[in-house]
Structures are given as structure tokens and as C-alpha cells.
Amino acid sequence: AEVGLSPIPRGELLDCSSPTKLIEYMALGVPVVC
């Protein structure tokens, strides 16, 4: 892929998350839209 997508809807349940997909995109050389 040329772009990784990391949408995490705002709210009580997901604001506290630490998204793995974002880190994996970065490690594999793919810029991210989050």
C-alpha cells in the first residue's frame, strides 16, 4: 500500500486505546492518515 488508514472514532471506549495498526504501518514504510 501507499497509504495506511488509522481511524479511531473519538469517545470513552476508544480514546484510551493505543492503536497497533499505526505503528505497523510506520515500521513497514507506509505513511499514515489518522
PDB file of all heavy atoms in Angstrom:
ATOM      1  N   ALA A   1       0.830  -1.210   0.000  1.00  0.00           N
ATOM      2  CA  ALA A   1       0.000   0.000   0.000  1.00  0.00           C
ATOM      3  C   ALA A   1       0.863   1.258   0.000  1.00  0.00           C
ATOM      4  O   ALA A   1       2.030   1.245   0.403  1.00  0.00           O
ATOM      5  CB  ALA A   1      -0.922  -0.006   1.206  1.00  0.00           C
ATOM      6  N   GLU A   2       0.281   2.361  -0.436  1.00  0.00           N
ATOM      7  CA  GLU A   2       0.957   3.657  -0.427  1.00  0.00           C
ATOM      8  C   GLU A   2       0.548   4.507   0.768  1.00  0.00           C
ATOM      9  O   GLU A   2       1.281   5.414   1.172  1.00  0.00           O
ATOM     10  CB  GLU A   2       0.659   4.409  -1.719  1.00  0.00           C
ATOM     11  CG  GLU A   2       1.257   3.782  -2.964  1.00  0.00           C
ATOM     12  CD  GLU A   2       1.038   4.649  -4.183  1.00  0.00           C
ATOM     13  OE1 GLU A   2       1.627   5.751  -4.257  1.00  0.00           O
ATOM     14  OE2 GLU A   2       0.252   4.234  -5.065  1.00  0.00           O
ATOM     15  N   VAL A   3      -0.623   4.226   1.334  1.00  0.00           N
ATOM     16  CA  VAL A   3      -1.116   4.985   2.487  1.00  0.00           C
ATOM     17  C   VAL A   3      -1.824   4.026   3.438  1.00  0.00           C
ATOM     18  O   VAL A   3      -2.641   3.198   3.010  1.00  0.00           O
ATOM     19  CB  VAL A   3      -2.098   6.107   2.060  1.00  0.00           C
ATOM     20  CG1 VAL A   3      -2.734   6.770   3.281  1.00  0.00           C
ATOM     21  CG2 VAL A   3      -1.385   7.147   1.215  1.00  0.00           C
ATOM     22  N   GLY A   4      -1.506   4.141   4.719  1.00  0.00           N
ATOM     23  CA  GLY A   4      -2.210   3.385   5.747  1.00  0.00           C
ATOM     24  C   GLY A   4      -3.261   4.253   6.403  1.00  0.00           C
ATOM     25  O   GLY A   4      -3.029   5.443   6.656  1.00  0.00           O
ATOM     26  N   LEU A   5      -4.421   3.677   6.694  1.00  0.00           N
ATOM     27  CA  LEU A   5      -5.539   4.404   7.298  1.00  0.00           C
ATOM     28  C   LEU A   5      -5.734   3.935   8.733  1.00  0.00           C
ATOM     29  O   LEU A   5      -5.877   2.738   8.990  1.00  0.00           O
ATOM     30  CB  LEU A   5      -6.813   4.167   6.490  1.00  0.00           C
ATOM     31  CG  LEU A   5      -6.731   4.539   5.003  1.00  0.00           C
ATOM     32  CD1 LEU A   5      -7.951   4.022   4.252  1.00  0.00           C
ATOM     33  CD2 LEU A   5      -6.586   6.052   4.835  1.00  0.00           C
ATOM     34  N   SER A   6      -5.737   4.878   9.664  1.00  0.00           N
ATOM     35  CA  SER A   6      -5.901   4.521  11.074  1.00  0.00           C
ATOM     36  C   SER A   6      -6.953   5.415  11.731  1.00  0.00           C
ATOM     37  O   SER A   6      -6.628   6.292  12.544  1.00  0.00           O
ATOM     38  CB  SER A   6      -4.571   4.638  11.821  1.00  0.00           C
ATOM     39  OG  SER A   6      -4.698   4.167  13.155  1.00  0.00           O
ATOM     40  N   PRO A   7      -8.224   5.197  11.401  1.00  0.00           N
ATOM     41  CA  PRO A   7      -9.293   5.969  12.054  1.00  0.00           C
ATOM     42  C   PRO A   7      -9.697   5.312  13.373  1.00  0.00           C
ATOM     43  O   PRO A   7      -9.985   4.118  13.426  1.00  0.00           O
ATOM     44  CB  PRO A   7     -10.427   5.887  11.038  1.00  0.00           C
ATOM     45  CG  PRO A   7     -10.242   4.549  10.380  1.00  0.00           C
ATOM     46  CD  PRO A   7      -8.754   4.309  10.337  1.00  0.00           C
ATOM     47  N   ILE A   8      -9.708   6.087  14.429  1.00  0.00           N
ATOM     48  CA  ILE A   8     -10.155   5.622  15.744  1.00  0.00           C
ATOM     49  C   ILE A   8     -11.214   6.602  16.233  1.00  0.00           C
ATOM     50  O   ILE A   8     -10.884   7.680  16.733  1.00  0.00           O
ATOM     51  CB  ILE A   8      -9.000   5.542  16.768  1.00  0.00           C
ATOM     52  CG1 ILE A   8      -7.802   4.783  16.194  1.00  0.00           C
ATOM     53  CG2 ILE A   8      -9.490   4.907  18.065  1.00  0.00           C
ATOM     54  CD1 ILE A   8      -8.042   3.311  15.971  1.00  0.00           C
ATOM     55  N   PRO A   9     -12.516   6.286  16.061  1.00  0.00           N
ATOM     56  CA  PRO A   9     -13.557   7.234  16.458  1.00  0.00           C
ATOM     57  C   PRO A   9     -13.382   7.708  17.901  1.00  0.00           C
ATOM     58  O   PRO A   9     -13.057   6.914  18.797  1.00  0.00           O
ATOM     59  CB  PRO A   9     -14.846   6.418  16.288  1.00  0.00           C
ATOM     60  CG  PRO A   9     -14.511   5.409  15.238  1.00  0.00           C
ATOM     61  CD  PRO A   9     -13.074   5.052  15.487  1.00  0.00           C
ATOM     62  N   ARG A  10     -13.595   9.001  18.120  1.00  0.00           N
ATOM     63  CA  ARG A  10     -13.443   9.579  19.443  1.00  0.00           C
ATOM     64  C   ARG A  10     -14.587   9.151  20.344  1.00  0.00           C
ATOM     65  O   ARG A  10     -15.708   8.969  19.903  1.00  0.00           O
ATOM     66  CB  ARG A  10     -13.405  11.116  19.356  1.00  0.00           C
ATOM     67  CG  ARG A  10     -12.258  11.685  18.547  1.00  0.00           C
ATOM     68  CD  ARG A  10     -10.894  11.305  19.116  1.00  0.00           C
ATOM     69  NE  ARG A  10     -10.767  11.626  20.526  1.00  0.00           N
ATOM     70  CZ  ARG A  10     -10.368  12.811  20.999  1.00  0.00           C
ATOM     71  NH1 ARG A  10     -10.069  13.777  20.152  1.00  0.00           N
ATOM     72  NH2 ARG A  10     -10.264  13.010  22.298  1.00  0.00           N
ATOM     73  N   GLY A  11     -14.293   8.980  21.626  1.00  0.00           N
ATOM     74  CA  GLY A  11     -15.296   8.597  22.600  1.00  0.00           C
ATOM     75  C   GLY A  11     -14.658   7.849  23.760  1.00  0.00           C
ATOM     76  O   GLY A  11     -13.472   7.498  23.725  1.00  0.00           O
ATOM     77  N   GLU A  12     -15.428   7.593  24.777  1.00  0.00           N
ATOM     78  CA  GLU A  12     -14.926   6.971  26.000  1.00  0.00           C
ATOM     79  C   GLU A  12     -14.241   5.638  25.743  1.00  0.00           C
ATOM     80  O   GLU A  12     -13.214   5.327  26.346  1.00  0.00           O
ATOM     81  CB  GLU A  12     -16.087   6.772  26.989  1.00  0.00           C
ATOM     82  CG  GLU A  12     -15.678   6.085  28.285  1.00  0.00           C
ATOM     83  CD  GLU A  12     -16.873   5.754  29.165  1.00  0.00           C
ATOM     84  OE1 GLU A  12     -17.981   5.571  28.619  1.00  0.00           O
ATOM     85  OE2 GLU A  12     -16.696   5.674  30.395  1.00  0.00           O
ATOM     86  N   LEU A  13     -14.787   4.830  24.845  1.00  0.00           N
ATOM     87  CA  LEU A  13     -14.280   3.479  24.664  1.00  0.00           C
ATOM     88  C   LEU A  13     -12.941   3.432  23.938  1.00  0.00           C
ATOM     89  O   LEU A  13     -12.105   2.568  24.237  1.00  0.00           O
ATOM     90  CB  LEU A  13     -15.300   2.633  23.899  1.00  0.00           C
ATOM     91  CG  LEU A  13     -16.627   2.371  24.606  1.00  0.00           C
ATOM     92  CD1 LEU A  13     -17.537   1.530  23.725  1.00  0.00           C
ATOM     93  CD2 LEU A  13     -16.402   1.677  25.947  1.00  0.00           C
ATOM     94  N   LEU A  14     -12.716   4.330  22.974  1.00  0.00           N
ATOM     95  CA  LEU A  14     -11.528   4.222  22.131  1.00  0.00           C
ATOM     96  C   LEU A  14     -10.505   5.330  22.343  1.00  0.00           C
ATOM     97  O   LEU A  14      -9.385   5.222  21.857  1.00  0.00           O
ATOM     98  CB  LEU A  14     -11.944   4.177  20.656  1.00  0.00           C
ATOM     99  CG  LEU A  14     -12.801   2.969  20.258  1.00  0.00           C
ATOM    100  CD1 LEU A  14     -13.192   3.052  18.787  1.00  0.00           C
ATOM    101  CD2 LEU A  14     -12.076   1.654  20.542  1.00  0.00           C
ATOM    102  N   ASP A  15     -10.863   6.385  23.050  1.00  0.00           N
ATOM    103  CA  ASP A  15      -9.886   7.442  23.312  1.00  0.00           C
ATOM    104  C   ASP A  15      -8.689   6.916  24.095  1.00  0.00           C
ATOM    105  O   ASP A  15      -7.584   7.453  23.990  1.00  0.00           O
ATOM    106  CB  ASP A  15     -10.530   8.598  24.100  1.00  0.00           C
ATOM    107  CG  ASP A  15     -11.179   9.618  23.181  1.00  0.00           C
ATOM    108  OD1 ASP A  15     -11.148   9.418  21.951  1.00  0.00           O
ATOM    109  OD2 ASP A  15     -11.728  10.608  23.699  1.00  0.00           O
ATOM    110  N   CYS A  16      -8.909   5.878  24.888  1.00  0.00           N
ATOM    111  CA  CYS A  16      -7.841   5.353  25.738  1.00  0.00           C
ATOM    112  C   CYS A  16      -6.984   4.305  25.031  1.00  0.00           C
ATOM    113  O   CYS A  16      -6.080   3.728  25.628  1.00  0.00           O
ATOM    114  CB  CYS A  16      -8.427   4.760  27.018  1.00  0.00           C
ATOM    115  SG  CYS A  16      -9.575   3.386  26.723  1.00  0.00           S
ATOM    116  N   SER A  17      -7.251   4.043  23.759  1.00  0.00           N
ATOM    117  CA  SER A  17      -6.526   2.988  23.049  1.00  0.00           C
ATOM    118  C   SER A  17      -5.145   3.454  22.604  1.00  0.00           C
ATOM    119  O   SER A  17      -4.838   4.646  22.565  1.00  0.00           O
ATOM    120  CB  SER A  17      -7.330   2.535  21.827  1.00  0.00           C
ATOM    121  OG  SER A  17      -7.421   3.587  20.883  1.00  0.00           O
ATOM    122  N   SER A  18      -4.319   2.470  22.267  1.00  0.00           N
ATOM    123  CA  SER A  18      -3.007   2.713  21.671  1.00  0.00           C
ATOM    124  C   SER A  18      -2.958   1.884  20.397  1.00  0.00           C
ATOM    125  O   SER A  18      -2.628   0.705  20.416  1.00  0.00           O
ATOM    126  CB  SER A  18      -1.889   2.283  22.638  1.00  0.00           C
ATOM    127  OG  SER A  18      -0.621   2.428  22.047  1.00  0.00           O
ATOM    128  N   PRO A  19      -3.321   2.471  19.257  1.00  0.00           N
ATOM    129  CA  PRO A  19      -3.526   1.690  18.034  1.00  0.00           C
ATOM    130  C   PRO A  19      -2.259   1.006  17.514  1.00  0.00           C
ATOM    131  O   PRO A  19      -1.237   1.656  17.285  1.00  0.00           O
ATOM    132  CB  PRO A  19      -4.023   2.738  17.031  1.00  0.00           C
ATOM    133  CG  PRO A  19      -4.564   3.845  17.886  1.00  0.00           C
ATOM    134  CD  PRO A  19      -3.691   3.875  19.086  1.00  0.00           C
ATOM    135  N   THR A  20      -2.343  -0.311  17.318  1.00  0.00           N
ATOM    136  CA  THR A  20      -1.216  -1.072  16.795  1.00  0.00           C
ATOM    137  C   THR A  20      -1.020  -0.828  15.307  1.00  0.00           C
ATOM    138  O   THR A  20       0.110  -0.795  14.811  1.00  0.00           O
ATOM    139  CB  THR A  20      -1.438  -2.574  17.027  1.00  0.00           C
ATOM    140  OG1 THR A  20      -1.810  -2.792  18.391  1.00  0.00           O
ATOM    141  CG2 THR A  20      -0.180  -3.372  16.726  1.00  0.00           C
ATOM    142  N   LYS A  21      -2.126  -0.669  14.572  1.00  0.00           N
ATOM    143  CA  LYS A  21      -2.021  -0.529  13.121  1.00  0.00           C
ATOM    144  C   LYS A  21      -1.134   0.650  12.737  1.00  0.00           C
ATOM    145  O   LYS A  21      -0.363   0.572  11.787  1.00  0.00           O
ATOM    146  CB  LYS A  21      -3.404  -0.407  12.489  1.00  0.00           C
ATOM    147  CG  LYS A  21      -4.214   0.814  12.914  1.00  0.00           C
ATOM    148  CD  LYS A  21      -5.527   0.926  12.155  1.00  0.00           C
ATOM    149  CE  LYS A  21      -6.514  -0.118  12.570  1.00  0.00           C
ATOM    150  NZ  LYS A  21      -6.950  -0.008  13.983  1.00  0.00           N
ATOM    151  N   LEU A  22      -1.241   1.743  13.486  1.00  0.00           N
ATOM    152  CA  LEU A  22      -0.429   2.925  13.200  1.00  0.00           C
ATOM    153  C   LEU A  22       1.053   2.579  13.247  1.00  0.00           C
ATOM    154  O   LEU A  22       1.825   2.939  12.347  1.00  0.00           O
ATOM    155  CB  LEU A  22      -0.755   4.007  14.227  1.00  0.00           C
ATOM    156  CG  LEU A  22       0.147   5.244  14.229  1.00  0.00           C
ATOM    157  CD1 LEU A  22      -0.164   6.113  13.040  1.00  0.00           C
ATOM    158  CD2 LEU A  22      -0.009   6.023  15.523  1.00  0.00           C
ATOM    159  N   ILE A  23       1.470   1.857  14.293  1.00  0.00           N
ATOM    160  CA  ILE A  23       2.878   1.511  14.474  1.00  0.00           C
ATOM    161  C   ILE A  23       3.332   0.535  13.391  1.00  0.00           C
ATOM    162  O   ILE A  23       4.458   0.619  12.889  1.00  0.00           O
ATOM    163  CB  ILE A  23       3.088   0.899  15.871  1.00  0.00           C
ATOM    164  CG1 ILE A  23       2.502   1.807  16.963  1.00  0.00           C
ATOM    165  CG2 ILE A  23       4.564   0.651  16.136  1.00  0.00           C
ATOM    166  CD1 ILE A  23       3.112   3.172  17.025  1.00  0.00           C
ATOM    167  N   GLU A  24       2.460  -0.391  13.022  1.00  0.00           N
ATOM    168  CA  GLU A  24       2.811  -1.366  11.986  1.00  0.00           C
ATOM    169  C   GLU A  24       2.968  -0.689  10.632  1.00  0.00           C
ATOM    170  O   GLU A  24       3.892  -1.017   9.867  1.00  0.00           O
ATOM    171  CB  GLU A  24       1.756  -2.466  11.941  1.00  0.00           C
ATOM    172  CG  GLU A  24       1.779  -3.366  13.166  1.00  0.00           C
ATOM    173  CD  GLU A  24       0.722  -4.448  13.127  1.00  0.00           C
ATOM    174  OE1 GLU A  24      -0.418  -4.150  12.711  1.00  0.00           O
ATOM    175  OE2 GLU A  24       1.024  -5.587  13.527  1.00  0.00           O
ATOM    176  N   TYR A  25       2.071   0.233  10.289  1.00  0.00           N
ATOM    177  CA  TYR A  25       2.224   0.977   9.040  1.00  0.00           C
ATOM    178  C   TYR A  25       3.599   1.663   9.005  1.00  0.00           C
ATOM    179  O   TYR A  25       4.323   1.600   8.003  1.00  0.00           O
ATOM    180  CB  TYR A  25       1.148   2.064   8.907  1.00  0.00           C
ATOM    181  CG  TYR A  25      -0.277   1.606   8.811  1.00  0.00           C
ATOM    182  CD1 TYR A  25      -1.314   2.426   9.263  1.00  0.00           C
ATOM    183  CD2 TYR A  25      -0.627   0.377   8.264  1.00  0.00           C
ATOM    184  CE1 TYR A  25      -2.639   2.042   9.163  1.00  0.00           C
ATOM    185  CE2 TYR A  25      -1.952  -0.017   8.173  1.00  0.00           C
ATOM    186  CZ  TYR A  25      -2.955   0.817   8.628  1.00  0.00           C
ATOM    187  OH  TYR A  25      -4.271   0.421   8.535  1.00  0.00           O
ATOM    188  N   MET A  26       3.936   2.346  10.092  1.00  0.00           N
ATOM    189  CA  MET A  26       5.196   3.081  10.152  1.00  0.00           C
ATOM    190  C   MET A  26       6.388   2.149   9.977  1.00  0.00           C
ATOM    191  O   MET A  26       7.317   2.452   9.214  1.00  0.00           O
ATOM    192  CB  MET A  26       5.287   3.827  11.486  1.00  0.00           C
ATOM    193  CG  MET A  26       4.287   4.957  11.650  1.00  0.00           C
ATOM    194  SD  MET A  26       4.161   5.565  13.358  1.00  0.00           S
ATOM    195  CE  MET A  26       5.849   6.084  13.699  1.00  0.00           C
ATOM    196  N   ALA A  27       6.370   1.016  10.677  1.00  0.00           N
ATOM    197  CA  ALA A  27       7.503   0.080  10.623  1.00  0.00           C
ATOM    198  C   ALA A  27       7.684  -0.505   9.233  1.00  0.00           C
ATOM    199  O   ALA A  27       8.802  -0.845   8.833  1.00  0.00           O
ATOM    200  CB  ALA A  27       7.306  -1.032  11.645  1.00  0.00           C
ATOM    201  N   LEU A  28       6.584  -0.629   8.485  1.00  0.00           N
ATOM    202  CA  LEU A  28       6.639  -1.207   7.150  1.00  0.00           C
ATOM    203  C   LEU A  28       6.806  -0.156   6.055  1.00  0.00           C
ATOM    204  O   LEU A  28       6.682  -0.449   4.868  1.00  0.00           O
ATOM    205  CB  LEU A  28       5.384  -2.046   6.896  1.00  0.00           C
ATOM    206  CG  LEU A  28       5.299  -3.322   7.752  1.00  0.00           C
ATOM    207  CD1 LEU A  28       3.913  -3.930   7.670  1.00  0.00           C
ATOM    208  CD2 LEU A  28       6.350  -4.338   7.316  1.00  0.00           C
ATOM    209  N   GLY A  29       7.090   1.085   6.461  1.00  0.00           N
ATOM    210  CA  GLY A  29       7.423   2.121   5.499  1.00  0.00           C
ATOM    211  C   GLY A  29       6.255   2.766   4.800  1.00  0.00           C
ATOM    212  O   GLY A  29       6.411   3.297   3.690  1.00  0.00           O
ATOM    213  N   VAL A  30       5.081   2.763   5.440  1.00  0.00           N
ATOM    214  CA  VAL A  30       3.874   3.308   4.816  1.00  0.00           C
ATOM    215  C   VAL A  30       3.402   4.541   5.593  1.00  0.00           C
ATOM    216  O   VAL A  30       3.101   4.432   6.787  1.00  0.00           O
ATOM    217  CB  VAL A  30       2.751   2.247   4.772  1.00  0.00           C
ATOM    218  CG1 VAL A  30       1.486   2.824   4.161  1.00  0.00           C
ATOM    219  CG2 VAL A  30       3.211   1.023   3.982  1.00  0.00           C
ATOM    220  N   PRO A  31       3.324   5.705   4.964  1.00  0.00           N
ATOM    221  CA  PRO A  31       2.812   6.893   5.660  1.00  0.00           C
ATOM    222  C   PRO A  31       1.340   6.734   6.020  1.00  0.00           C
ATOM    223  O   PRO A  31       0.610   5.997   5.358  1.00  0.00           O
ATOM    224  CB  PRO A  31       3.025   8.019   4.647  1.00  0.00           C
ATOM    225  CG  PRO A  31       3.138   7.355   3.330  1.00  0.00           C
ATOM    226  CD  PRO A  31       3.726   5.997   3.569  1.00  0.00           C
ATOM    227  N   VAL A  32       0.920   7.451   7.032  1.00  0.00           N
ATOM    228  CA  VAL A  32      -0.378   7.198   7.659  1.00  0.00           C
ATOM    229  C   VAL A  32      -1.272   8.426   7.626  1.00  0.00           C
ATOM    230  O   VAL A  32      -0.813   9.555   7.833  1.00  0.00           O
ATOM    231  CB  VAL A  32      -0.181   6.781   9.135  1.00  0.00           C
ATOM    232  CG1 VAL A  32      -1.513   6.384   9.765  1.00  0.00           C
ATOM    233  CG2 VAL A  32       0.827   5.642   9.254  1.00  0.00           C
ATOM    234  N   VAL A  33      -2.559   8.172   7.391  1.00  0.00           N
ATOM    235  CA  VAL A  33      -3.598   9.159   7.674  1.00  0.00           C
ATOM    236  C   VAL A  33      -4.339   8.665   8.908  1.00  0.00           C
ATOM    237  O   VAL A  33      -4.864   7.542   8.923  1.00  0.00           O
ATOM    238  CB  VAL A  33      -4.587   9.312   6.506  1.00  0.00           C
ATOM    239  CG1 VAL A  33      -5.729  10.256   6.907  1.00  0.00           C
ATOM    240  CG2 VAL A  33      -3.876   9.840   5.274  1.00  0.00           C
ATOM    241  N   CYS A  34      -4.369   9.483   9.939  1.00  0.00           N
ATOM    242  CA  CYS A  34      -5.063   9.104  11.167  1.00  0.00           C
ATOM    243  C   CYS A  34      -5.894  10.288  11.651  1.00  0.00           C
ATOM    244  O   CYS A  34      -5.789  11.395  11.129  1.00  0.00           O
ATOM    245  CB  CYS A  34      -4.085   8.663  12.252  1.00  0.00           C
ATOM    246  SG  CYS A  34      -3.095  10.011  12.949  1.00  0.00           S
TER     247      CYS A  34
END
